[in-house]
Amino acid sequence: MMNVPSAAPGLRLLPAGDAVLVELADLPQTLGLLASLQAEPVAGLVEIVPGARTLLLTLDPWVLTREALAAELARRPLDMRSAQAGPRVDIPVFYDGEDLAEVATLLKITPAEVVRRHTGSDWFVAFTGFAPGFAYLTGGDELLRQLPRRASPRTRIPPGAVAAAGGFSGVYPKASPGGWRLLGQTPLSMWDLQRNPPALLQPGQRVRFVDAGPRLGVLPPEVASQDAMAAAVRTLDLPARPAVPNGIGPDAPFATAAATPTATVNPVIRDAPSEAQQGPGIEIRNAGLQSLLQDLGRPGQAGQGVAASGAMDRGSLKAANRLVGNLPAAACIEVALGGFELVSQGDIVVAVTGAEGPLTLIAPDGRRLPLDRHTPQALSHGDRLLIGDPTTGVRSYVALRGGVALPSVLGSLSYDSLADVGPAPLQAGDRLLLNSAPAGAVVGHPEPPQAAWPRAGDEVTLDIRLGPRTDWFTAEAVETLTAQTWTVTPQSNRVGLRVQGARPLARAITAELPSEGTARGAIQVPASGQPVLFLADHPLTGGYPVIACIAPWHLDLAGQMPVGTRVRLHVVAGFEPVVVPR
């Protein structure tokens, strides 16, 4: 087995689709560069996703070129002095974890010594991922960093569990499976959308664990206050979350993230509506296989462990909104396959785009009328709209004139199926109220479909750009990537398309890849050698190498490929890493 290659002298800039993966020598250098970029931001640098020894940088190409980025990084410090000078978050812990005694035995020390070492020095947030609010903490005690993961992961770890393994420590924000060693539990919430920002810990922060003593139902005086949170944050001065409109992330004039009440919002009326809840709207009669509210997502939340999510086929979402006179980023209902039915409550205007298939209006008197997609349609009170199984494509988009009247979640109404963030999936009986249409908004004219979507068995070609980890694969594997046909499997979903080929992709470097940022369109290759094409709800970080990235102009097509689609990959940009001398 080969070792992970050391970074070249200086930094390596690796192509990652529209982003750049900056590879450094080790975690301290990574934290040092992160601290520098946070303290002195670079114009045109949109988002940073830290990893164990990398930073995934998303650029605005109209403001910041890759050449200008390389020149900027060449002058940046790579030490942690600026990070160590930052604010500190104190986390009280009841050290009564299930694994505390076992950890002491493994390290040949007492449980009390484990606690002393865990609380005895600062930790640093290296990167986030796994779940919203989960932070990978490095630093701390050298002996604790030697703890291995459990041989058999637990199926459920309670929220607030404080754990350590694999060189890191962390706090589980919600109940989830995991293989780290449990040392104790904190009463603090790592993820709370009533807080601004919702994630307590973000990359670059210092953290100190505090022994809360025995679990007596109350915190000891040194950490008790009006609430536990006030005591936990010491000199913490986080920037205010900018105002955001639904679906386009930061930098916009309306709807603040601070107003969002919960992590996963039930967005609908499920009881008899009150007078305040009267007005035009719809009721869901049948939600089909999966019906979700989606817009253009929530970019800019990576520091909190949240990816952008959003519509799988953004072009069709924008087209549907255009047809009914909405803003391009307004939320639509994304319907996977068919079987969806709504009933109009009041007079409304709708449009359905995306996948092709039958669209039917059923009037209150029972008359059935076929309707055209890609055309604005007026529905009267009591009319029912049915979306049948698609003949081509997978996902339909239902735009409602005025847009749905709901509070946003971190600036978006998109539901992220992996992170479980956003308005809950729709179900039969849900009622959605509509906003008034913007002043001057004009209903559009019928439009042609965005594209000719495939059906099962069709062959589709996707353009790809090699990188960032193409050099982790054999030359034969890189050739196989484009030489053979891949087939979309039933295990595909909004997280990604799992494809199967006759020959798996072999790696030249078989060591474990330190966790690093991933992006929509990344083609990750797990141990099986059968690729996963990451889509809208991809994980923020991953531990398998990404051999290439789908070109942005083919991402919508990837989101409309049904199970059984045959896929050919075509390289349009080679793998050209750049070394930045230091």
Foldseek 3Di string as FASTA:
>chain_A
DDDDDAADFFWWWWDFFQKTKIFHRFLQLQLQQVLQCVVPPDPQFQDWFFFGGIIITHGDCVTDPPVNVLVVRLPGDRGCPSLVPDFEFEFEWAQPFPCLCVLCVVLVHHSVVVVCQQQVDKWFFRGAFPAFLKTWTADTHPSQLDAAWAPDKDQWDAFQFWFGHNRTTIGHQHIGIDGTGTRTGTPDHQAFLLDFVRGPDFHSHMYGYDHQYHPPPAGPPQQDDPHNRVSRTDPDDDDGQAAAAAQDAHDDDHARSNPDGGFAAQWFDQDPDDPVQDDKWKFWAAQPPFKAKFFNFHPPCRRRHAAGFGDLFLVFQQLFCLQQLHHSGFIWIKHFFFPTKMFIAAKWKKAKAFFADWKWKQAPVGDIDTDDHQHIDIDGHGIMIGGHGGPFFTIMTMDIAQGFPGRWNNRHQGQQPSNRGHYDIDGGSTMTHGHHHPPPRDRDGRDDHPDGGHDAQAEDEFEWAFDDPQLQFDPVLVVVQQPWKWFFAPVADQQWTWTDTPDATHTPHDDWAGKDAHDQQFWFADPVSTTTGGTRNHIGIDTTGGGIGTHPVCSSSRNTHDGNYIYGYHYPHYIDMDGSHD
